[in-house]
Amino acid sequence: MSMYTWHKTEATFTQLEENKPTETTTGTKKVGLLKRNGKVHAFAALCPHAGAPMCAGWLDGMGRLVCPLHKYRFDPTNGRNTSGEGYKLFTYPVEVRGDEVFIGLVG
C-alpha cells in the first residue's frame, strides 16, 4: 500500500516545456513542475524564504531553480538549497502515467 495519495495535475507531460518551471494545480493546491532531461520534478509553488512564486524564476547553468526575489537556488530533485541560506524547497513525488502527471501527497 502506498503512503501517498496520488493527485492528477492540470498540466500534461507534453504541455511541459523542457527546463521551464511551470505552475499548475491539483485540486486546490498550487505546485511547480519542471521537466528536465525527460523527467518531471514537482515542488512547492512558493519559495520557503519569502513566498515568491518559484515558477517566475529560472534555471541556472547547473539546472538549479533560482528564486526570482532573492536569487536563492534550489535543487529541483530534492529541494536542497544550494546557495547556502539554509532553506529547503518542499518537493513531491511524481508519477507520469501516459501523458498525465500525478503528484503524491501524504495521507
PDB file of N, CA and C in Angstrom:
ATOM      1  N   MET A   1       0.837  -1.184   0.000  1.00  0.00           N
ATOM      2  CA  MET A   1       0.000   0.000   0.000  1.00  0.00           C
ATOM      3  C   MET A   1       0.885   1.252   0.000  1.00  0.00           C
ATOM      4  N   SER A   2       0.567   2.196  -0.849  1.00  0.00           N
ATOM      5  CA  SER A   2       1.362   3.418  -0.980  1.00  0.00           C
ATOM      6  C   SER A   2       1.082   4.371   0.180  1.00  0.00           C
ATOM      7  N   MET A   3       2.113   5.071   0.611  1.00  0.00           N
ATOM      8  CA  MET A   3       1.928   6.071   1.662  1.00  0.00           C
ATOM      9  C   MET A   3       1.413   7.391   1.081  1.00  0.00           C
ATOM     10  N   TYR A   4       1.301   7.445  -0.250  1.00  0.00           N
ATOM     11  CA  TYR A   4       0.850   8.660  -0.922  1.00  0.00           C
ATOM     12  C   TYR A   4      -0.545   8.488  -1.493  1.00  0.00           C
ATOM     13  N   THR A   5      -1.254   9.596  -1.537  1.00  0.00           N
ATOM     14  CA  THR A   5      -2.483   9.685  -2.306  1.00  0.00           C
ATOM     15  C   THR A   5      -2.099  10.449  -3.562  1.00  0.00           C
ATOM     16  N   TRP A   6      -2.336   9.852  -4.723  1.00  0.00           N
ATOM     17  CA  TRP A   6      -1.896  10.458  -5.987  1.00  0.00           C
ATOM     18  C   TRP A   6      -2.967  11.374  -6.549  1.00  0.00           C
ATOM     19  N   HIS A   7      -2.532  12.577  -6.943  1.00  0.00           N
ATOM     20  CA  HIS A   7      -3.446  13.601  -7.455  1.00  0.00           C
ATOM     21  C   HIS A   7      -2.979  14.060  -8.834  1.00  0.00           C
ATOM     22  N   LYS A   8      -3.904  14.051  -9.765  1.00  0.00           N
ATOM     23  CA  LYS A   8      -3.587  14.468 -11.131  1.00  0.00           C
ATOM     24  C   LYS A   8      -3.447  15.988 -11.191  1.00  0.00           C
ATOM     25  N   THR A   9      -2.400  16.458 -11.851  1.00  0.00           N
ATOM     26  CA  THR A   9      -2.223  17.893 -12.038  1.00  0.00           C
ATOM     27  C   THR A   9      -2.952  18.333 -13.308  1.00  0.00           C
ATOM     28  N   GLU A  10      -3.163  19.625 -13.440  1.00  0.00           N
ATOM     29  CA  GLU A  10      -3.806  20.144 -14.640  1.00  0.00           C
ATOM     30  C   GLU A  10      -2.865  20.126 -15.838  1.00  0.00           C
ATOM     31  N   ALA A  11      -1.574  20.091 -15.603  1.00  0.00           N
ATOM     32  CA  ALA A  11      -0.594  20.077 -16.695  1.00  0.00           C
ATOM     33  C   ALA A  11      -0.370  18.644 -17.168  1.00  0.00           C
ATOM     34  N   THR A  12      -0.135  18.497 -18.467  1.00  0.00           N
ATOM     35  CA  THR A  12       0.205  17.185 -19.009  1.00  0.00           C
ATOM     36  C   THR A  12       1.697  17.166 -19.335  1.00  0.00           C
ATOM     37  N   PHE A  13       2.219  15.958 -19.492  1.00  0.00           N
ATOM     38  CA  PHE A  13       3.639  15.809 -19.795  1.00  0.00           C
ATOM     39  C   PHE A  13       4.003  16.552 -21.081  1.00  0.00           C
ATOM     40  N   THR A  14       3.192  16.439 -22.119  1.00  0.00           N
ATOM     41  CA  THR A  14       3.528  17.091 -23.397  1.00  0.00           C
ATOM     42  C   THR A  14       3.380  18.605 -23.332  1.00  0.00           C
ATOM     43  N   GLN A  15       2.565  19.110 -22.417  1.00  0.00           N
ATOM     44  CA  GLN A  15       2.436  20.564 -22.262  1.00  0.00           C
ATOM     45  C   GLN A  15       3.663  21.186 -21.610  1.00  0.00           C
ATOM     46  N   LEU A  16       4.357  20.423 -20.794  1.00  0.00           N
ATOM     47  CA  LEU A  16       5.510  20.963 -20.072  1.00  0.00           C
ATOM     48  C   LEU A  16       6.682  21.157 -21.020  1.00  0.00           C
ATOM     49  N   GLU A  17       7.258  22.345 -20.997  1.00  0.00           N
ATOM     50  CA  GLU A  17       8.446  22.632 -21.801  1.00  0.00           C
ATOM     51  C   GLU A  17       9.691  22.211 -21.018  1.00  0.00           C
ATOM     52  N   GLU A  18      10.624  21.616 -21.710  1.00  0.00           N
ATOM     53  CA  GLU A  18      11.879  21.192 -21.092  1.00  0.00           C
ATOM     54  C   GLU A  18      12.583  22.400 -20.466  1.00  0.00           C
ATOM     55  N   ASN A  19      13.027  22.261 -19.215  1.00  0.00           N
ATOM     56  CA  ASN A  19      13.800  23.278 -18.481  1.00  0.00           C
ATOM     57  C   ASN A  19      13.046  24.567 -18.201  1.00  0.00           C
ATOM     58  N   LYS A  20      11.706  24.536 -18.219  1.00  0.00           N
ATOM     59  CA  LYS A  20      10.924  25.733 -17.919  1.00  0.00           C
ATOM     60  C   LYS A  20       9.996  25.447 -16.740  1.00  0.00           C
ATOM     61  N   PRO A  21      10.231  26.066 -15.577  1.00  0.00           N
ATOM     62  CA  PRO A  21       9.343  25.863 -14.434  1.00  0.00           C
ATOM     63  C   PRO A  21       7.923  26.309 -14.783  1.00  0.00           C
ATOM     64  N   THR A  22       6.954  25.489 -14.430  1.00  0.00           N
ATOM     65  CA  THR A  22       5.560  25.746 -14.775  1.00  0.00           C
ATOM     66  C   THR A  22       4.690  25.544 -13.545  1.00  0.00           C
ATOM     67  N   GLU A  23       3.875  26.539 -13.222  1.00  0.00           N
ATOM     68  CA  GLU A  23       2.955  26.403 -12.099  1.00  0.00           C
ATOM     69  C   GLU A  23       1.670  25.745 -12.584  1.00  0.00           C
ATOM     70  N   THR A  24       1.147  24.827 -11.781  1.00  0.00           N
ATOM     71  CA  THR A  24      -0.101  24.142 -12.094  1.00  0.00           C
ATOM     72  C   THR A  24      -0.838  23.896 -10.794  1.00  0.00           C
ATOM     73  N   THR A  25      -2.013  23.310 -10.896  1.00  0.00           N
ATOM     74  CA  THR A  25      -2.760  22.974  -9.692  1.00  0.00           C
ATOM     75  C   THR A  25      -3.178  21.509  -9.732  1.00  0.00           C
ATOM     76  N   THR A  26      -3.396  20.991  -8.570  1.00  0.00           N
ATOM     77  CA  THR A  26      -4.003  19.680  -8.393  1.00  0.00           C
ATOM     78  C   THR A  26      -5.059  19.894  -7.320  1.00  0.00           C
ATOM     79  N   GLY A  27      -6.310  19.865  -7.716  1.00  0.00           N
ATOM     80  CA  GLY A  27      -7.374  20.255  -6.789  1.00  0.00           C
ATOM     81  C   GLY A  27      -7.227  21.738  -6.493  1.00  0.00           C
ATOM     82  N   THR A  28      -7.010  22.081  -5.225  1.00  0.00           N
ATOM     83  CA  THR A  28      -6.824  23.489  -4.849  1.00  0.00           C
ATOM     84  C   THR A  28      -5.373  23.807  -4.517  1.00  0.00           C
ATOM     85  N   LYS A  29      -4.486  22.817  -4.628  1.00  0.00           N
ATOM     86  CA  LYS A  29      -3.077  23.002  -4.278  1.00  0.00           C
ATOM     87  C   LYS A  29      -2.277  23.451  -5.508  1.00  0.00           C
ATOM     88  N   LYS A  30      -1.542  24.548  -5.357  1.00  0.00           N
ATOM     89  CA  LYS A  30      -0.652  25.011  -6.416  1.00  0.00           C
ATOM     90  C   LYS A  30       0.714  24.365  -6.227  1.00  0.00           C
ATOM     91  N   VAL A  31       1.282  23.880  -7.325  1.00  0.00           N
ATOM     92  CA  VAL A  31       2.605  23.268  -7.293  1.00  0.00           C
ATOM     93  C   VAL A  31       3.386  23.728  -8.515  1.00  0.00           C
ATOM     94  N   GLY A  32       4.698  23.630  -8.415  1.00  0.00           N
ATOM     95  CA  GLY A  32       5.563  23.896  -9.554  1.00  0.00           C
ATOM     96  C   GLY A  32       6.004  22.572 -10.152  1.00  0.00           C
ATOM     97  N   LEU A  33       6.098  22.533 -11.471  1.00  0.00           N
ATOM     98  CA  LEU A  33       6.593  21.357 -12.167  1.00  0.00           C
ATOM     99  C   LEU A  33       7.760  21.772 -13.045  1.00  0.00           C
ATOM    100  N   LEU A  34       8.706  20.875 -13.178  1.00  0.00           N
ATOM    101  CA  LEU A  34       9.853  21.120 -14.046  1.00  0.00           C
ATOM    102  C   LEU A  34      10.179  19.827 -14.786  1.00  0.00           C
ATOM    103  N   LYS A  35      10.146  19.909 -16.119  1.00  0.00           N
ATOM    104  CA  LYS A  35      10.571  18.765 -16.930  1.00  0.00           C
ATOM    105  C   LYS A  35      12.022  19.011 -17.309  1.00  0.00           C
ATOM    106  N   ARG A  36      12.881  18.103 -16.865  1.00  0.00           N
ATOM    107  CA  ARG A  36      14.318  18.237 -17.122  1.00  0.00           C
ATOM    108  C   ARG A  36      14.862  16.862 -17.515  1.00  0.00           C
ATOM    109  N   ASN A  37      15.518  16.823 -18.670  1.00  0.00           N
ATOM    110  CA  ASN A  37      16.043  15.562 -19.198  1.00  0.00           C
ATOM    111  C   ASN A  37      14.956  14.489 -19.273  1.00  0.00           C
ATOM    112  N   GLY A  38      13.746  14.918 -19.631  1.00  0.00           N
ATOM    113  CA  GLY A  38      12.643  13.991 -19.815  1.00  0.00           C
ATOM    114  C   GLY A  38      11.980  13.496 -18.550  1.00  0.00           C
ATOM    115  N   LYS A  39      12.416  13.985 -17.393  1.00  0.00           N
ATOM    116  CA  LYS A  39      11.839  13.588 -16.106  1.00  0.00           C
ATOM    117  C   LYS A  39      11.145  14.794 -15.485  1.00  0.00           C
ATOM    118  N   VAL A  40      10.034  14.553 -14.786  1.00  0.00           N
ATOM    119  CA  VAL A  40       9.279  15.648 -14.174  1.00  0.00           C
ATOM    120  C   VAL A  40       9.559  15.686 -12.671  1.00  0.00           C
ATOM    121  N   HIS A  41       9.815  16.891 -12.173  1.00  0.00           N
ATOM    122  CA  HIS A  41      10.022  17.145 -10.746  1.00  0.00           C
ATOM    123  C   HIS A  41       8.907  18.082 -10.281  1.00  0.00           C
ATOM    124  N   ALA A  42       8.430  17.884  -9.061  1.00  0.00           N
ATOM    125  CA  ALA A  42       7.370  18.730  -8.504  1.00  0.00           C
ATOM    126  C   ALA A  42       7.856  19.354  -7.203  1.00  0.00           C
ATOM    127  N   PHE A  43       7.475  20.599  -6.995  1.00  0.00           N
ATOM    128  CA  PHE A  43       7.948  21.349  -5.828  1.00  0.00           C
ATOM    129  C   PHE A  43       6.911  22.375  -5.410  1.00  0.00           C
ATOM    130  N   ALA A  44       7.072  22.912  -4.210  1.00  0.00           N
ATOM    131  CA  ALA A  44       6.163  23.942  -3.696  1.00  0.00           C
ATOM    132  C   ALA A  44       6.171  25.141  -4.635  1.00  0.00           C
ATOM    133  N   ALA A  45       5.006  25.714  -4.858  1.00  0.00           N
ATOM    134  CA  ALA A  45       4.885  26.836  -5.784  1.00  0.00           C
ATOM    135  C   ALA A  45       5.545  28.108  -5.251  1.00  0.00           C
ATOM    136  N   LEU A  46       5.693  28.192  -3.916  1.00  0.00           N
ATOM    137  CA  LEU A  46       6.244  29.406  -3.310  1.00  0.00           C
ATOM    138  C   LEU A  46       7.582  29.128  -2.644  1.00  0.00           C
ATOM    139  N   CYS A  47       8.480  30.082  -2.742  1.00  0.00           N
ATOM    140  CA  CYS A  47       9.794  29.974  -2.113  1.00  0.00           C
ATOM    141  C   CYS A  47       9.628  29.889  -0.594  1.00  0.00           C
ATOM    142  N   PRO A  48      10.373  29.009   0.068  1.00  0.00           N
ATOM    143  CA  PRO A  48      10.249  28.871   1.521  1.00  0.00           C
ATOM    144  C   PRO A  48      10.788  30.076   2.300  1.00  0.00           C
ATOM    145  N   HIS A  49      11.537  30.945   1.644  1.00  0.00           N
ATOM    146  CA  HIS A  49      12.116  32.101   2.331  1.00  0.00           C
ATOM    147  C   HIS A  49      11.124  33.242   2.444  1.00  0.00           C
ATOM    148  N   ALA A  50      10.653  33.755   1.310  1.00  0.00           N
ATOM    149  CA  ALA A  50       9.793  34.943   1.355  1.00  0.00           C
ATOM    150  C   ALA A  50       8.510  34.790   0.542  1.00  0.00           C
ATOM    151  N   GLY A  51       8.202  33.561   0.093  1.00  0.00           N
ATOM    152  CA  GLY A  51       6.934  33.329  -0.582  1.00  0.00           C
ATOM    153  C   GLY A  51       6.857  33.767  -2.036  1.00  0.00           C
ATOM    154  N   ALA A  52       7.985  34.011  -2.671  1.00  0.00           N
ATOM    155  CA  ALA A  52       7.972  34.407  -4.085  1.00  0.00           C
ATOM    156  C   ALA A  52       7.540  33.208  -4.944  1.00  0.00           C
ATOM    157  N   PRO A  53       6.875  33.473  -6.072  1.00  0.00           N
ATOM    158  CA  PRO A  53       6.468  32.379  -6.953  1.00  0.00           C
ATOM    159  C   PRO A  53       7.681  31.757  -7.651  1.00  0.00           C
ATOM    160  N   MET A  54       7.969  30.502  -7.318  1.00  0.00           N
ATOM    161  CA  MET A  54       9.164  29.840  -7.859  1.00  0.00           C
ATOM    162  C   MET A  54       9.144  29.719  -9.379  1.00  0.00           C
ATOM    163  N   CYS A  55       7.970  29.597  -9.970  1.00  0.00           N
ATOM    164  CA  CYS A  55       7.907  29.430 -11.426  1.00  0.00           C
ATOM    165  C   CYS A  55       8.108  30.744 -12.182  1.00  0.00           C
ATOM    166  N   ALA A  56       8.205  31.858 -11.439  1.00  0.00           N
ATOM    167  CA  ALA A  56       8.584  33.128 -12.064  1.00  0.00           C
ATOM    168  C   ALA A  56      10.106  33.221 -12.141  1.00  0.00           C
ATOM    169  N   GLY A  57      10.783  32.242 -11.543  1.00  0.00           N
ATOM    170  CA  GLY A  57      12.239  32.177 -11.578  1.00  0.00           C
ATOM    171  C   GLY A  57      12.721  31.458 -12.830  1.00  0.00           C
ATOM    172  N   TRP A  58      13.919  30.932 -12.769  1.00  0.00           N
ATOM    173  CA  TRP A  58      14.534  30.294 -13.929  1.00  0.00           C
ATOM    174  C   TRP A  58      15.502  29.224 -13.462  1.00  0.00           C
ATOM    175  N   LEU A  59      16.084  28.518 -14.419  1.00  0.00           N
ATOM    176  CA  LEU A  59      17.132  27.537 -14.111  1.00  0.00           C
ATOM    177  C   LEU A  59      18.483  28.171 -14.370  1.00  0.00           C
ATOM    178  N   ASP A  60      19.438  27.923 -13.485  1.00  0.00           N
ATOM    179  CA  ASP A  60      20.792  28.404 -13.743  1.00  0.00           C
ATOM    180  C   ASP A  60      21.527  27.362 -14.593  1.00  0.00           C
ATOM    181  N   GLY A  61      22.769  27.597 -14.878  1.00  0.00           N
ATOM    182  CA  GLY A  61      23.563  26.716 -15.725  1.00  0.00           C
ATOM    183  C   GLY A  61      23.768  25.321 -15.157  1.00  0.00           C
ATOM    184  N   MET A  62      23.562  25.161 -13.855  1.00  0.00           N
ATOM    185  CA  MET A  62      23.702  23.853 -13.204  1.00  0.00           C
ATOM    186  C   MET A  62      22.356  23.135 -13.065  1.00  0.00           C
ATOM    187  N   GLY A  63      21.277  23.742 -13.583  1.00  0.00           N
ATOM    188  CA  GLY A  63      19.961  23.121 -13.513  1.00  0.00           C
ATOM    189  C   GLY A  63      19.238  23.337 -12.203  1.00  0.00           C
ATOM    190  N   ARG A  64      19.669  24.339 -11.432  1.00  0.00           N
ATOM    191  CA  ARG A  64      19.017  24.649 -10.166  1.00  0.00           C
ATOM    192  C   ARG A  64      17.944  25.712 -10.383  1.00  0.00           C
ATOM    193  N   LEU A  65      16.852  25.608  -9.621  1.00  0.00           N
ATOM    194  CA  LEU A  65      15.795  26.615  -9.665  1.00  0.00           C
ATOM    195  C   LEU A  65      16.282  27.859  -8.935  1.00  0.00           C
ATOM    196  N   VAL A  66      16.102  29.007  -9.551  1.00  0.00           N
ATOM    197  CA  VAL A  66      16.510  30.274  -8.943  1.00  0.00           C
ATOM    198  C   VAL A  66      15.261  31.074  -8.600  1.00  0.00           C
ATOM    199  N   CYS A  67      15.133  31.422  -7.317  1.00  0.00           N
ATOM    200  CA  CYS A  67      14.002  32.231  -6.867  1.00  0.00           C
ATOM    201  C   CYS A  67      14.112  33.624  -7.487  1.00  0.00           C
ATOM    202  N   PRO A  68      13.014  34.174  -8.023  1.00  0.00           N
ATOM    203  CA  PRO A  68      13.090  35.483  -8.681  1.00  0.00           C
ATOM    204  C   PRO A  68      13.285  36.657  -7.721  1.00  0.00           C
ATOM    205  N   LEU A  69      13.011  36.454  -6.426  1.00  0.00           N
ATOM    206  CA  LEU A  69      13.088  37.569  -5.480  1.00  0.00           C
ATOM    207  C   LEU A  69      14.492  37.801  -4.925  1.00  0.00           C
ATOM    208  N   HIS A  70      15.105  36.793  -4.351  1.00  0.00           N
ATOM    209  CA  HIS A  70      16.416  36.965  -3.726  1.00  0.00           C
ATOM    210  C   HIS A  70      17.505  36.094  -4.354  1.00  0.00           C
ATOM    211  N   LYS A  71      17.170  35.405  -5.432  1.00  0.00           N
ATOM    212  CA  LYS A  71      18.137  34.581  -6.197  1.00  0.00           C
ATOM    213  C   LYS A  71      18.645  33.364  -5.431  1.00  0.00           C
ATOM    214  N   TYR A  72      17.893  32.909  -4.417  1.00  0.00           N
ATOM    215  CA  TYR A  72      18.253  31.666  -3.749  1.00  0.00           C
ATOM    216  C   TYR A  72      18.103  30.531  -4.756  1.00  0.00           C
ATOM    217  N   ARG A  73      18.964  29.523  -4.651  1.00  0.00           N
ATOM    218  CA  ARG A  73      18.979  28.422  -5.624  1.00  0.00           C
ATOM    219  C   ARG A  73      18.627  27.102  -4.943  1.00  0.00           C
ATOM    220  N   PHE A  74      17.813  26.298  -5.648  1.00  0.00           N
ATOM    221  CA  PHE A  74      17.337  25.035  -5.097  1.00  0.00           C
ATOM    222  C   PHE A  74      17.495  23.916  -6.125  1.00  0.00           C
ATOM    223  N   ASP A  75      17.891  22.750  -5.641  1.00  0.00           N
ATOM    224  CA  ASP A  75      17.965  21.558  -6.482  1.00  0.00           C
ATOM    225  C   ASP A  75      16.531  21.064  -6.679  1.00  0.00           C
ATOM    226  N   PRO A  76      16.030  21.011  -7.916  1.00  0.00           N
ATOM    227  CA  PRO A  76      14.632  20.608  -8.127  1.00  0.00           C
ATOM    228  C   PRO A  76      14.361  19.137  -7.823  1.00  0.00           C
ATOM    229  N   THR A  77      15.402  18.312  -7.716  1.00  0.00           N
ATOM    230  CA  THR A  77      15.186  16.893  -7.454  1.00  0.00           C
ATOM    231  C   THR A  77      14.909  16.601  -5.981  1.00  0.00           C
ATOM    232  N   ASN A  78      15.446  17.435  -5.081  1.00  0.00           N
ATOM    233  CA  ASN A  78      15.275  17.163  -3.652  1.00  0.00           C
ATOM    234  C   ASN A  78      14.982  18.415  -2.807  1.00  0.00           C
ATOM    235  N   GLY A  79      14.933  19.589  -3.432  1.00  0.00           N
ATOM    236  CA  GLY A  79      14.619  20.826  -2.720  1.00  0.00           C
ATOM    237  C   GLY A  79      15.760  21.440  -1.938  1.00  0.00           C
ATOM    238  N   ARG A  80      16.932  20.835  -1.986  1.00  0.00           N
ATOM    239  CA  ARG A  80      18.085  21.326  -1.216  1.00  0.00           C
ATOM    240  C   ARG A  80      18.493  22.729  -1.684  1.00  0.00           C
ATOM    241  N   ASN A  81      18.686  23.605  -0.733  1.00  0.00           N
ATOM    242  CA  ASN A  81      19.160  24.967  -1.008  1.00  0.00           C
ATOM    243  C   ASN A  81      20.653  24.892  -1.309  1.00  0.00           C
ATOM    244  N   THR A  82      21.041  25.233  -2.526  1.00  0.00           N
ATOM    245  CA  THR A  82      22.438  25.095  -2.939  1.00  0.00           C
ATOM    246  C   THR A  82      23.228  26.390  -2.868  1.00  0.00           C
ATOM    247  N   SER A  83      22.567  27.490  -2.494  1.00  0.00           N
ATOM    248  CA  SER A  83      23.295  28.754  -2.390  1.00  0.00           C
ATOM    249  C   SER A  83      23.629  29.105  -0.942  1.00  0.00           C
ATOM    250  N   GLY A  84      23.304  28.211  -0.003  1.00  0.00           N
ATOM    251  CA  GLY A  84      23.808  28.343   1.361  1.00  0.00           C
ATOM    252  C   GLY A  84      22.948  29.045   2.381  1.00  0.00           C
ATOM    253  N   GLU A  85      21.720  29.407   2.064  1.00  0.00           N
ATOM    254  CA  GLU A  85      20.910  30.142   3.031  1.00  0.00           C
ATOM    255  C   GLU A  85      20.221  29.244   4.057  1.00  0.00           C
ATOM    256  N   GLY A  86      20.178  27.934   3.799  1.00  0.00           N
ATOM    257  CA  GLY A  86      19.635  27.006   4.776  1.00  0.00           C
ATOM    258  C   GLY A  86      18.162  26.668   4.628  1.00  0.00           C
ATOM    259  N   TYR A  87      17.493  27.184   3.624  1.00  0.00           N
ATOM    260  CA  TYR A  87      16.084  26.871   3.405  1.00  0.00           C
ATOM    261  C   TYR A  87      15.966  25.596   2.578  1.00  0.00           C
ATOM    262  N   LYS A  88      14.816  24.931   2.658  1.00  0.00           N
ATOM    263  CA  LYS A  88      14.563  23.745   1.835  1.00  0.00           C
ATOM    264  C   LYS A  88      13.241  23.942   1.106  1.00  0.00           C
ATOM    265  N   LEU A  89      13.271  23.757  -0.185  1.00  0.00           N
ATOM    266  CA  LEU A  89      12.068  23.837  -1.005  1.00  0.00           C
ATOM    267  C   LEU A  89      11.373  22.480  -0.933  1.00  0.00           C
ATOM    268  N   PHE A  90      10.115  22.479  -0.542  1.00  0.00           N
ATOM    269  CA  PHE A  90       9.407  21.213  -0.413  1.00  0.00           C
ATOM    270  C   PHE A  90       9.208  20.589  -1.790  1.00  0.00           C
ATOM    271  N   THR A  91       9.473  19.304  -1.906  1.00  0.00           N
ATOM    272  CA  THR A  91       9.287  18.586  -3.169  1.00  0.00           C
ATOM    273  C   THR A  91       8.258  17.469  -2.978  1.00  0.00           C
ATOM    274  N   TYR A  92       7.687  17.033  -4.088  1.00  0.00           N
ATOM    275  CA  TYR A  92       6.675  15.981  -4.096  1.00  0.00           C
ATOM    276  C   TYR A  92       7.121  14.851  -5.015  1.00  0.00           C
ATOM    277  N   PRO A  93       6.740  13.610  -4.687  1.00  0.00           N
ATOM    278  CA  PRO A  93       6.993  12.524  -5.628  1.00  0.00           C
ATOM    279  C   PRO A  93       6.093  12.693  -6.857  1.00  0.00           C
ATOM    280  N   VAL A  94       6.575  12.236  -7.993  1.00  0.00           N
ATOM    281  CA  VAL A  94       5.847  12.397  -9.260  1.00  0.00           C
ATOM    282  C   VAL A  94       5.712  11.050  -9.947  1.00  0.00           C
ATOM    283  N   GLU A  95       4.562  10.831 -10.547  1.00  0.00           N
ATOM    284  CA  GLU A  95       4.341   9.704 -11.444  1.00  0.00           C
ATOM    285  C   GLU A  95       3.761  10.245 -12.735  1.00  0.00           C
ATOM    286  N   VAL A  96       4.348   9.832 -13.850  1.00  0.00           N
ATOM    287  CA  VAL A  96       3.793  10.170 -15.153  1.00  0.00           C
ATOM    288  C   VAL A  96       3.119   8.905 -15.661  1.00  0.00           C
ATOM    289  N   ARG A  97       1.827   9.022 -15.933  1.00  0.00           N
ATOM    290  CA  ARG A  97       1.035   7.888 -16.427  1.00  0.00           C
ATOM    291  C   ARG A  97       0.487   8.275 -17.790  1.00  0.00           C
ATOM    292  N   GLY A  98       1.101   7.712 -18.826  1.00  0.00           N
ATOM    293  CA  GLY A  98       0.742   8.138 -20.176  1.00  0.00           C
ATOM    294  C   GLY A  98       1.181   9.580 -20.333  1.00  0.00           C
ATOM    295  N   ASP A  99       0.225  10.479 -20.542  1.00  0.00           N
ATOM    296  CA  ASP A  99       0.541  11.907 -20.668  1.00  0.00           C
ATOM    297  C   ASP A  99       0.162  12.681 -19.408  1.00  0.00           C
ATOM    298  N   GLU A 100      -0.450  12.001 -18.438  1.00  0.00           N
ATOM    299  CA  GLU A 100      -0.903  12.676 -17.232  1.00  0.00           C
ATOM    300  C   GLU A 100       0.176  12.692 -16.169  1.00  0.00           C
ATOM    301  N   VAL A 101       0.257  13.800 -15.425  1.00  0.00           N
ATOM    302  CA  VAL A 101       1.247  13.973 -14.373  1.00  0.00           C
ATOM    303  C   VAL A 101       0.520  13.967 -13.023  1.00  0.00           C
ATOM    304  N   PHE A 102       0.966  13.101 -12.125  1.00  0.00           N
ATOM    305  CA  PHE A 102       0.403  12.976 -10.795  1.00  0.00           C
ATOM    306  C   PHE A 102       1.467  13.317  -9.768  1.00  0.00           C
ATOM    307  N   ILE A 103       1.035  13.967  -8.662  1.00  0.00           N
ATOM    308  CA  ILE A 103       1.936  14.177  -7.532  1.00  0.00           C
ATOM    309  C   ILE A 103       1.396  13.411  -6.341  1.00  0.00           C
ATOM    310  N   GLY A 104       2.317  12.952  -5.495  1.00  0.00           N
ATOM    311  CA  GLY A 104       1.932  12.199  -4.309  1.00  0.00           C
ATOM    312  C   GLY A 104       1.868  13.093  -3.085  1.00  0.00           C
ATOM    313  N   LEU A 105       0.734  13.042  -2.402  1.00  0.00           N
ATOM    314  CA  LEU A 105       0.565  13.776  -1.159  1.00  0.00           C
ATOM    315  C   LEU A 105       0.412  12.756  -0.042  1.00  0.00           C
ATOM    316  N   VAL A 106       1.049  13.016   1.075  1.00  0.00           N
ATOM    317  CA  VAL A 106       0.982  12.094   2.218  1.00  0.00           C
ATOM    318  C   VAL A 106      -0.414  12.141   2.798  1.00  0.00           C
ATOM    319  N   GLY A 107      -0.948  10.955   3.084  1.00  0.00           N
ATOM    320  CA  GLY A 107      -2.254  10.916   3.735  1.00  0.00           C
ATOM    321  C   GLY A 107      -3.291  10.153   3.007  1.00  0.00           C
TER     322      GLY A 107
END
